[in-house]
Structures are given as structure tokens and as C-alpha cells.
Amino acid sequence: MESHRYEKTRGEGVPSTVTSTDDLAPAESQAEAAETAVCRHIDGRGHRCRLLVMSPTASLCAYHAKRGNETAAAELLACVSDFSDAASVNRFLGNLVKQVTLKRIPRRDAITLAYICQLLLNSLGAINREDSLRLEESRLAALSAAKLPPKIIWDIPGPPYEPPDPIEAALANKASNDECSRR
């Protein structure tokens, strides 16, 4: 083999013992495989992330999968400060529906979160009863600390009040006057 000083020549090396199956696959499937192996996140400028995905079934790299979960959690909890009333639980459920329809939260996770919300809504009645009981106990403790006698409220039902009929009242008065005059 002759070489010319201006021409580059390919040297012959030792044949590889590793056989590649890439040569057997068509070019289209290679492009598809490369496409699915790359993260599908597109940033605000329209550029696509070039990191590899975590698994063959995933569509995002480890960084964007973590960021996506943080974003979804922040959007879920946007209007909710605590879960002490039914309105905040219902706001959370509304945000959950939005995230599921946008396919930011997997279906299984959404089912789990909805079940937890159902448990929270069922426990709110018991929490309210406990709060009212504590309030009543603190009121009674304050009364006993002040050494005031307890206030007794008489709620004994009596007969219903019916105003007397004026004709009957006049007849009764006339009868009583007649008896007084006979004596």
C-alpha cells in the first residue's frame, strides 16, 4: 500500500470480534430508536433537551422528570394552604383533574390522591365535632375558673298559649258577676 503525503489513507486494523446488529436494522428504525432514547422536554425557546431518558418507557430524562414532578406538585397545591376545610380539598381535587387531563400525573397516582381526598373529606365532620367539643369544654372551664354559678336555662315546654275568645271572656265575666250578685 502506497501512501501519498497529501492523501489520507485508511489503515487496515484488526477485525472486531463484536458483531453489531445495527447493520441489520433499517435506517428508519435506527432513527426512531435514537428519537425515543432522547428526552422530549422542550424549553421556552423551543430547544429540545438532548439528554438520554431514564428507561425505554420514559419520555423525559432524570432532570426533567424530577422538575416535572415538582411543577405538577406546585400546581396541585397552588390554592391550597391546608386541608382543614372541604373547600380546600375540593380545590385540590379540581387541580388534580387538570393535571390528569394534561397527562402530567399518572392515572394510578391520581387515583391514590383522590382516595386520600375522600378520606380527608370523611374525617372533616369528626374534626369539626371535636373542635366544638373542645370549645364547649374550654367555655365551661372558664366559667368554673371565674367561680360564677352556671347559667341555667329553663326550657320546660308549657301548654301552647291561646288568647281567650272575647265572647267567651265576656260570658265568663257576666257569670261570675251574677254569682257575686246572688250572694
Protein backbone atom coordinates (compact mmCIF):
# COMPACT_ATOMS: atom_id res chain seq x y z
CA MET A 1 0.00 0.00 0.00
CA GLU A 2 1.41 3.27 -1.04
CA SER A 3 0.58 6.50 0.55
CA HIS A 4 0.82 9.92 -0.81
CA ARG A 5 1.71 12.68 1.55
CA TYR A 6 -1.37 14.77 0.67
CA GLU A 7 -3.84 11.97 0.71
CA LYS A 8 -5.17 10.33 3.79
CA THR A 9 -5.35 6.62 3.65
CA ARG A 10 -7.31 4.25 5.73
CA GLY A 11 -5.25 1.79 7.60
CA GLU A 12 -6.33 -1.75 7.98
CA GLY A 13 -6.79 -2.76 11.58
CA VAL A 14 -7.61 -5.92 13.43
CA PRO A 15 -11.13 -7.15 12.66
CA SER A 16 -13.59 -6.62 15.52
CA THR A 17 -14.95 -9.59 17.40
CA VAL A 18 -18.09 -7.68 18.42
CA THR A 19 -20.82 -8.01 15.86
CA SER A 20 -23.31 -5.20 15.59
CA THR A 21 -26.99 -5.74 14.96
CA ASP A 22 -27.32 -2.13 13.85
CA ASP A 23 -26.25 -3.12 10.36
CA LEU A 24 -29.21 -5.46 10.12
CA ALA A 25 -31.82 -2.84 11.10
CA PRO A 26 -33.07 -0.35 8.53
CA ALA A 27 -32.08 3.29 8.86
CA GLU A 28 -35.63 4.35 9.81
CA SER A 29 -35.77 2.13 12.89
CA GLN A 30 -32.35 3.43 13.95
CA ALA A 31 -33.65 7.00 13.72
CA GLU A 32 -36.78 6.05 15.70
CA ALA A 33 -34.69 4.34 18.36
CA ALA A 34 -32.47 7.40 18.64
CA GLU A 35 -35.56 9.61 18.83
CA THR A 36 -37.13 7.62 21.69
CA ALA A 37 -33.85 7.47 23.61
CA VAL A 38 -33.69 11.28 23.90
CA CYS A 39 -35.63 13.44 26.37
CA ARG A 40 -38.77 15.03 24.90
CA HIS A 41 -38.68 18.19 27.02
CA ILE A 42 -38.82 21.41 25.00
CA ASP A 43 -37.82 24.61 26.80
CA GLY A 44 -39.31 28.07 26.43
CA ARG A 45 -37.03 28.95 23.49
CA GLY A 46 -38.13 25.87 21.55
CA HIS A 47 -34.92 23.91 22.10
CA ARG A 48 -35.15 20.25 22.87
CA CYS A 49 -33.21 18.55 25.67
CA ARG A 50 -30.55 16.14 24.36
CA LEU A 51 -30.09 14.01 27.49
CA LEU A 52 -30.93 10.31 27.43
CA VAL A 53 -34.15 9.09 29.01
CA MET A 54 -34.16 7.07 32.23
CA SER A 55 -35.83 3.96 30.81
CA PRO A 56 -37.22 2.83 27.45
CA THR A 57 -40.79 3.56 28.61
CA ALA A 58 -39.99 7.04 29.94
CA SER A 59 -40.18 10.16 27.81
CA LEU A 60 -38.11 12.50 30.00
CA CYS A 61 -34.56 12.45 31.33
CA ALA A 62 -33.95 12.23 35.07
CA TYR A 63 -33.60 16.01 35.46
CA HIS A 64 -36.79 16.94 33.63
CA ALA A 65 -38.78 14.09 35.18
CA LYS A 66 -37.88 15.47 38.61
CA ARG A 67 -38.64 19.04 37.53
CA GLY A 68 -41.95 17.91 36.00
CA ASN A 69 -42.99 16.29 39.27
CA GLU A 70 -42.08 19.43 41.20
CA THR A 71 -44.04 21.58 38.75
CA ALA A 72 -47.09 19.32 38.92
CA ALA A 73 -46.95 19.31 42.74
CA ALA A 74 -46.66 23.10 42.83
CA GLU A 75 -49.66 23.46 40.52
CA LEU A 76 -51.69 20.96 42.57
CA LEU A 77 -51.05 22.83 45.80
CA ALA A 78 -51.33 26.32 44.28
CA CYS A 79 -54.56 27.39 46.01
CA VAL A 80 -54.40 25.03 48.98
CA SER A 81 -52.71 26.03 52.23
CA ASP A 82 -54.10 23.25 54.42
CA PHE A 83 -56.77 20.58 54.21
CA SER A 84 -58.82 21.69 57.22
CA ASP A 85 -61.97 22.52 55.27
CA ALA A 86 -63.93 20.96 52.43
CA ALA A 87 -63.32 23.92 50.10
CA SER A 88 -59.55 23.43 50.10
CA VAL A 89 -59.92 19.69 49.46
CA ASN A 90 -62.27 20.41 46.56
CA ARG A 91 -59.80 22.96 45.11
CA PHE A 92 -57.09 20.30 45.29
CA LEU A 93 -59.35 17.81 43.51
CA GLY A 94 -60.04 20.39 40.79
CA ASN A 95 -56.31 20.92 40.29
CA LEU A 96 -55.84 17.15 40.20
CA VAL A 97 -58.36 16.83 37.38
CA LYS A 98 -56.47 19.49 35.41
CA GLN A 99 -53.15 17.70 35.89
CA VAL A 100 -54.57 14.33 34.88
CA THR A 101 -56.16 15.72 31.73
CA LEU A 102 -52.84 17.34 30.79
CA LYS A 103 -51.19 13.94 31.41
CA ARG A 104 -48.74 15.39 33.93
CA ILE A 105 -49.77 12.93 36.63
CA PRO A 106 -50.08 9.18 36.03
CA ARG A 107 -53.52 7.65 36.43
CA ARG A 108 -52.50 5.47 39.39
CA ASP A 109 -51.12 8.43 41.30
CA ALA A 110 -54.29 10.40 40.59
CA ILE A 111 -56.45 7.54 41.91
CA THR A 112 -54.36 7.43 45.08
CA LEU A 113 -54.60 11.19 45.61
CA ALA A 114 -58.36 11.16 45.01
CA TYR A 115 -58.77 8.37 47.58
CA ILE A 116 -56.76 10.36 50.12
CA CYS A 117 -59.02 13.37 49.46
CA GLN A 118 -62.06 11.18 50.07
CA LEU A 119 -60.60 10.12 53.43
CA LEU A 120 -59.93 13.76 54.28
CA LEU A 121 -63.49 14.78 53.44
CA ASN A 122 -64.88 11.94 55.55
CA SER A 123 -62.74 12.94 58.53
CA LEU A 124 -63.68 16.65 58.40
CA GLY A 125 -67.01 16.00 60.17
CA ALA A 126 -65.27 14.28 63.06
CA ILE A 127 -62.70 17.07 63.28
CA ASN A 128 -65.47 19.69 63.44
CA ARG A 129 -67.25 17.76 66.21
CA GLU A 130 -64.01 17.52 68.21
CA ASP A 131 -63.39 21.25 67.77
CA SER A 132 -66.87 22.16 69.00
CA LEU A 133 -66.47 19.80 71.97
CA ARG A 134 -63.13 21.41 72.87
CA LEU A 135 -64.70 24.85 72.59
CA GLU A 136 -67.54 23.88 74.93
CA GLU A 137 -65.08 22.35 77.42
CA SER A 138 -62.95 25.49 77.40
CA ARG A 139 -66.05 27.63 77.95
CA LEU A 140 -67.09 25.50 80.95
CA ALA A 141 -63.54 25.60 82.30
CA ALA A 142 -63.53 29.39 82.04
CA LEU A 143 -66.85 29.57 83.91
CA SER A 144 -65.61 27.31 86.69
CA ALA A 145 -62.34 29.27 86.92
CA ALA A 146 -64.28 32.50 87.30
CA LYS A 147 -66.34 30.81 90.05
CA LEU A 148 -69.56 32.04 88.54
CA PRO A 149 -72.62 29.93 89.03
CA PRO A 150 -73.60 28.13 85.90
CA LYS A 151 -76.33 29.76 83.92
CA ILE A 152 -79.45 27.63 83.99
CA ILE A 153 -81.78 27.84 81.09
CA TRP A 154 -85.28 26.58 81.69
CA ASP A 155 -86.68 25.08 78.58
CA ILE A 156 -89.68 23.39 80.09
CA PRO A 157 -92.39 23.23 77.49
CA GLY A 158 -95.69 24.57 78.63
CA PRO A 159 -99.11 24.44 77.10
CA PRO A 160 -99.42 26.45 73.96
CA TYR A 161 -100.72 29.94 74.59
CA GLU A 162 -104.05 30.71 73.02
CA PRO A 163 -105.56 34.12 73.53
CA PRO A 164 -109.04 33.92 75.06
CA ASP A 165 -112.02 34.40 72.81
CA PRO A 166 -113.59 37.80 73.65
CA ILE A 167 -117.13 36.42 73.58
CA GLU A 168 -116.27 33.59 75.96
CA ALA A 169 -114.41 36.03 78.23
CA ALA A 170 -117.46 38.32 78.36
CA LEU A 171 -119.78 35.41 79.17
CA ALA A 172 -117.42 34.20 81.90
CA ASN A 173 -117.27 37.69 83.43
CA LYS A 174 -121.08 38.00 83.32
CA ALA A 175 -121.48 34.60 85.02
CA SER A 176 -119.05 35.47 87.77
CA ASN A 177 -120.82 38.85 88.31
CA ASP A 178 -124.17 37.08 88.51
CA GLU A 179 -122.88 34.73 91.18
CA CYS A 180 -121.47 37.64 93.18
CA SER A 181 -124.78 39.50 92.98
CA ARG A 182 -126.78 36.48 94.24
CA ARG A 183 -124.83 36.24 97.41
